[in-house]
C-alpha atoms as a PDB file:
ATOM      1  CA  UNK A   1     120.522  71.164  90.930  1.00  0.00           C
ATOM      2  CA  UNK A   2     118.594  70.790  94.211  1.00  0.00           C
ATOM      3  CA  UNK A   3     115.126  71.991  94.268  1.00  0.00           C
ATOM      4  CA  UNK A   4     113.904  73.535  97.432  1.00  0.00           C
ATOM      5  CA  UNK A   5     110.337  74.086  98.618  1.00  0.00           C
ATOM      6  CA  UNK A   6     109.509  76.107 101.778  1.00  0.00           C
ATOM      7  CA  UNK A   7     106.082  75.610 103.628  1.00  0.00           C
ATOM      8  CA  UNK A   8     104.549  76.479 107.047  1.00  0.00           C
ATOM      9  CA  UNK A   9     104.478  79.965 107.114  1.00  0.00           C
ATOM     10  CA  UNK A  10     101.399  81.895 108.291  1.00  0.00           C
ATOM     11  CA  UNK A  11     100.112  84.663 110.672  1.00  0.00           C
ATOM     12  CA  UNK A  12     100.611  84.317 114.232  1.00  0.00           C
ATOM     13  CA  UNK A  13     100.431  86.772 117.279  1.00  0.00           C
ATOM     14  CA  UNK A  14     103.279  87.926 119.290  1.00  0.00           C
ATOM     15  CA  UNK A  15     104.507  85.349 121.696  1.00  0.00           C
ATOM     16  CA  UNK A  16     103.366  82.470 119.565  1.00  0.00           C
ATOM     17  CA  UNK A  17     105.047  79.723 117.488  1.00  0.00           C
ATOM     18  CA  UNK A  18     105.560  78.504 114.096  1.00  0.00           C
ATOM     19  CA  UNK A  19     107.487  75.847 112.339  1.00  0.00           C
ATOM     20  CA  UNK A  20     108.628  76.240 108.707  1.00  0.00           C
ATOM     21  CA  UNK A  21     109.965  73.507 106.658  1.00  0.00           C
ATOM     22  CA  UNK A  22     112.197  73.177 103.666  1.00  0.00           C
ATOM     23  CA  UNK A  23     111.884  69.991 101.511  1.00  0.00           C
ATOM     24  CA  UNK A  24     114.478  69.305  98.751  1.00  0.00           C
ATOM     25  CA  UNK A  25     114.269  67.266  95.623  1.00  0.00           C
ATOM     26  CA  UNK A  26     116.910  66.450  93.039  1.00  0.00           C
ATOM     27  CA  UNK A  27     119.538  65.912  95.542  1.00  0.00           C
ATOM     28  CA  UNK A  28     120.022  64.713  99.173  1.00  0.00           C
ATOM     29  CA  UNK A  29     120.280  67.448 101.670  1.00  0.00           C
ATOM     30  CA  UNK A  30     122.457  65.362 103.942  1.00  0.00           C
ATOM     31  CA  UNK A  31     125.560  66.457 102.191  1.00  0.00           C
ATOM     32  CA  UNK A  32     124.913  70.130 102.465  1.00  0.00           C
ATOM     33  CA  UNK A  33     125.112  72.727 105.137  1.00  0.00           C
ATOM     34  CA  UNK A  34     121.708  74.261 105.284  1.00  0.00           C
ATOM     35  CA  UNK A  35     120.598  77.749 106.099  1.00  0.00           C
ATOM     36  CA  UNK A  36     117.478  79.822 106.742  1.00  0.00           C
ATOM     37  CA  UNK A  37     117.412  83.324 105.698  1.00  0.00           C
ATOM     38  CA  UNK A  38     114.718  85.961 105.938  1.00  0.00           C
ATOM     39  CA  UNK A  39     113.786  89.269 104.130  1.00  0.00           C
ATOM     40  CA  UNK A  40     111.570  91.822 105.543  1.00  0.00           C
ATOM     41  CA  UNK A  41     109.924  94.490 103.283  1.00  0.00           C
ATOM     42  CA  UNK A  42     112.377  97.138 102.389  1.00  0.00           C
ATOM     43  CA  UNK A  43     115.451  95.330 103.936  1.00  0.00           C
ATOM     44  CA  UNK A  44     118.162  93.218 102.756  1.00  0.00           C
ATOM     45  CA  UNK A  45     118.099  89.343 103.011  1.00  0.00           C
ATOM     46  CA  UNK A  46     119.596  88.175 106.393  1.00  0.00           C
ATOM     47  CA  UNK A  47     121.027  85.045 107.667  1.00  0.00           C
ATOM     48  CA  UNK A  48     118.928  83.491 110.544  1.00  0.00           C
ATOM     49  CA  UNK A  49     120.353  80.069 111.298  1.00  0.00           C
ATOM     50  CA  UNK A  50     122.617  77.364 109.812  1.00  0.00           C
ATOM     51  CA  UNK A  51     123.017  73.577 110.306  1.00  0.00           C
ATOM     52  CA  UNK A  52     126.015  71.692 108.971  1.00  0.00           C
ATOM     53  CA  UNK A  53     126.159  68.102 108.009  1.00  0.00           C
ATOM     54  CA  UNK A  54     127.227  67.084 111.396  1.00  0.00           C
ATOM     55  CA  UNK A  55     124.309  68.830 112.956  1.00  0.00           C
ATOM     56  CA  UNK A  56     126.150  71.785 114.574  1.00  0.00           C
ATOM     57  CA  UNK A  57     124.049  74.873 114.381  1.00  0.00           C
ATOM     58  CA  UNK A  58     124.738  78.785 114.421  1.00  0.00           C
ATOM     59  CA  UNK A  59     122.075  81.570 114.996  1.00  0.00           C
ATOM     60  CA  UNK A  60     121.872  85.135 114.448  1.00  0.00           C
ATOM     61  CA  UNK A  61     121.945  86.982 117.854  1.00  0.00           C
ATOM     62  CA  UNK A  62     118.288  88.230 117.481  1.00  0.00           C
ATOM     63  CA  UNK A  63     116.907  84.767 117.395  1.00  0.00           C
ATOM     64  CA  UNK A  64     119.216  82.934 119.763  1.00  0.00           C
ATOM     65  CA  UNK A  65     117.137  81.035 122.478  1.00  0.00           C
ATOM     66  CA  UNK A  66     113.888  81.457 120.391  1.00  0.00           C
ATOM     67  CA  UNK A  67     114.486  79.580 117.086  1.00  0.00           C
ATOM     68  CA  UNK A  68     115.858  76.044 116.711  1.00  0.00           C
ATOM     69  CA  UNK A  69     117.051  74.817 113.171  1.00  0.00           C
ATOM     70  CA  UNK A  70     117.097  71.124 112.712  1.00  0.00           C
ATOM     71  CA  UNK A  71     117.425  68.601 109.845  1.00  0.00           C
ATOM     72  CA  UNK A  72     115.671  65.229 109.079  1.00  0.00           C
ATOM     73  CA  UNK A  73     117.942  63.671 106.484  1.00  0.00           C
ATOM     74  CA  UNK A  74     115.559  60.724 105.901  1.00  0.00           C
ATOM     75  CA  UNK A  75     112.877  63.177 104.937  1.00  0.00           C
ATOM     76  CA  UNK A  76     115.202  65.512 103.082  1.00  0.00           C
ATOM     77  CA  UNK A  77     113.917  68.346 105.176  1.00  0.00           C
ATOM     78  CA  UNK A  78     115.149  71.054 107.242  1.00  0.00           C
ATOM     79  CA  UNK A  79     113.012  72.827 109.803  1.00  0.00           C
ATOM     80  CA  UNK A  80     113.056  76.123 111.565  1.00  0.00           C
ATOM     81  CA  UNK A  81     111.176  76.098 115.021  1.00  0.00           C
ATOM     82  CA  UNK A  82     110.212  79.667 115.855  1.00  0.00           C
ATOM     83  CA  UNK A  83     109.052  80.294 119.351  1.00  0.00           C
ATOM     84  CA  UNK A  84     108.277  83.621 121.158  1.00  0.00           C
ATOM     85  CA  UNK A  85     107.778  85.282 117.970  1.00  0.00           C
ATOM     86  CA  UNK A  86     108.052  89.164 117.747  1.00  0.00           C
ATOM     87  CA  UNK A  87     106.598  91.432 115.185  1.00  0.00           C
ATOM     88  CA  UNK A  88     110.165  92.096 114.078  1.00  0.00           C
ATOM     89  CA  UNK A  89     110.373  88.497 112.918  1.00  0.00           C
ATOM     90  CA  UNK A  90     107.821  89.371 110.212  1.00  0.00           C
ATOM     91  CA  UNK A  91     109.532  88.479 106.801  1.00  0.00           C
ATOM     92  CA  UNK A  92     109.680  86.008 103.940  1.00  0.00           C
ATOM     93  CA  UNK A  93     111.719  83.055 105.099  1.00  0.00           C
ATOM     94  CA  UNK A  94     113.970  81.207 102.529  1.00  0.00           C
ATOM     95  CA  UNK A  95     116.073  78.188 102.819  1.00  0.00           C
ATOM     96  CA  UNK A  96     119.427  77.737 101.130  1.00  0.00           C
ATOM     97  CA  UNK A  97     121.343  74.571 100.384  1.00  0.00           C
ATOM     98  CA  UNK A  98     125.132  74.086  99.918  1.00  0.00           C
ATOM     99  CA  UNK A  99     126.681  77.362 101.472  1.00  0.00           C
ATOM    100  CA  UNK A 100     129.744  77.691 103.505  1.00  0.00           C
ATOM    101  CA  UNK A 101     131.391  79.779 106.150  1.00  0.00           C
ATOM    102  CA  UNK A 102     134.663  81.526 105.424  1.00  0.00           C
ATOM    103  CA  UNK A 103     136.249  83.797 108.085  1.00  0.00           C
ATOM    104  CA  UNK A 104     133.068  83.873 109.975  1.00  0.00           C
ATOM    105  CA  UNK A 105     130.908  85.040 107.171  1.00  0.00           C
ATOM    106  CA  UNK A 106     128.283  82.586 105.689  1.00  0.00           C
ATOM    107  CA  UNK A 107     128.228  82.493 101.914  1.00  0.00           C
ATOM    108  CA  UNK A 108     124.996  81.154 100.436  1.00  0.00           C
ATOM    109  CA  UNK A 109     124.706  79.364  97.074  1.00  0.00           C
ATOM    110  CA  UNK A 110     122.209  79.988  94.408  1.00  0.00           C
ATOM    111  CA  UNK A 111     120.099  77.139  95.569  1.00  0.00           C
ATOM    112  CA  UNK A 112     116.994  79.132  96.987  1.00  0.00           C
ATOM    113  CA  UNK A 113     113.449  78.162  97.557  1.00  0.00           C
ATOM    114  CA  UNK A 114     110.587  80.391  96.903  1.00  0.00           C
ATOM    115  CA  UNK A 115     110.098  81.429 100.394  1.00  0.00           C
ATOM    116  CA  UNK A 116     107.350  81.200 102.893  1.00  0.00           C
ATOM    117  CA  UNK A 117     105.698  84.310 104.494  1.00  0.00           C
ATOM    118  CA  UNK A 118     105.628  84.544 108.245  1.00  0.00           C
ATOM    119  CA  UNK A 119     103.692  87.481 109.724  1.00  0.00           C
ATOM    120  CA  UNK A 120     103.613  88.319 113.444  1.00  0.00           C
ATOM    121  CA  UNK A 121     100.878  90.591 114.591  1.00  0.00           C
ATOM    122  CA  UNK A 122     101.376  92.745 117.755  1.00  0.00           C
END
């Protein structure tokens, strides 16, 4: 069982940047596809970005060109660099390990962190 811990969230003004991190223990992340999800108040959790074992990435349209997912396997950590933040990016951000795509849909596993709050003020 992999244990995930997110960090790096905070309060930032619109147009600003934040980098959130997800560090794993109990297993090596290098074997997993990793994903970042987010959940805004009153909304369902949504996929933001994925990075597979080979480093290929995918993004939801709303963050393309603004967010970058990356992984440092030596540090067992996955990052989400968020630039040009908008108030609608406000959410709790969660990482997930070991999911997979099937017919274009990403299916997460039960391996979730506790989340980190990102708040973007106007």
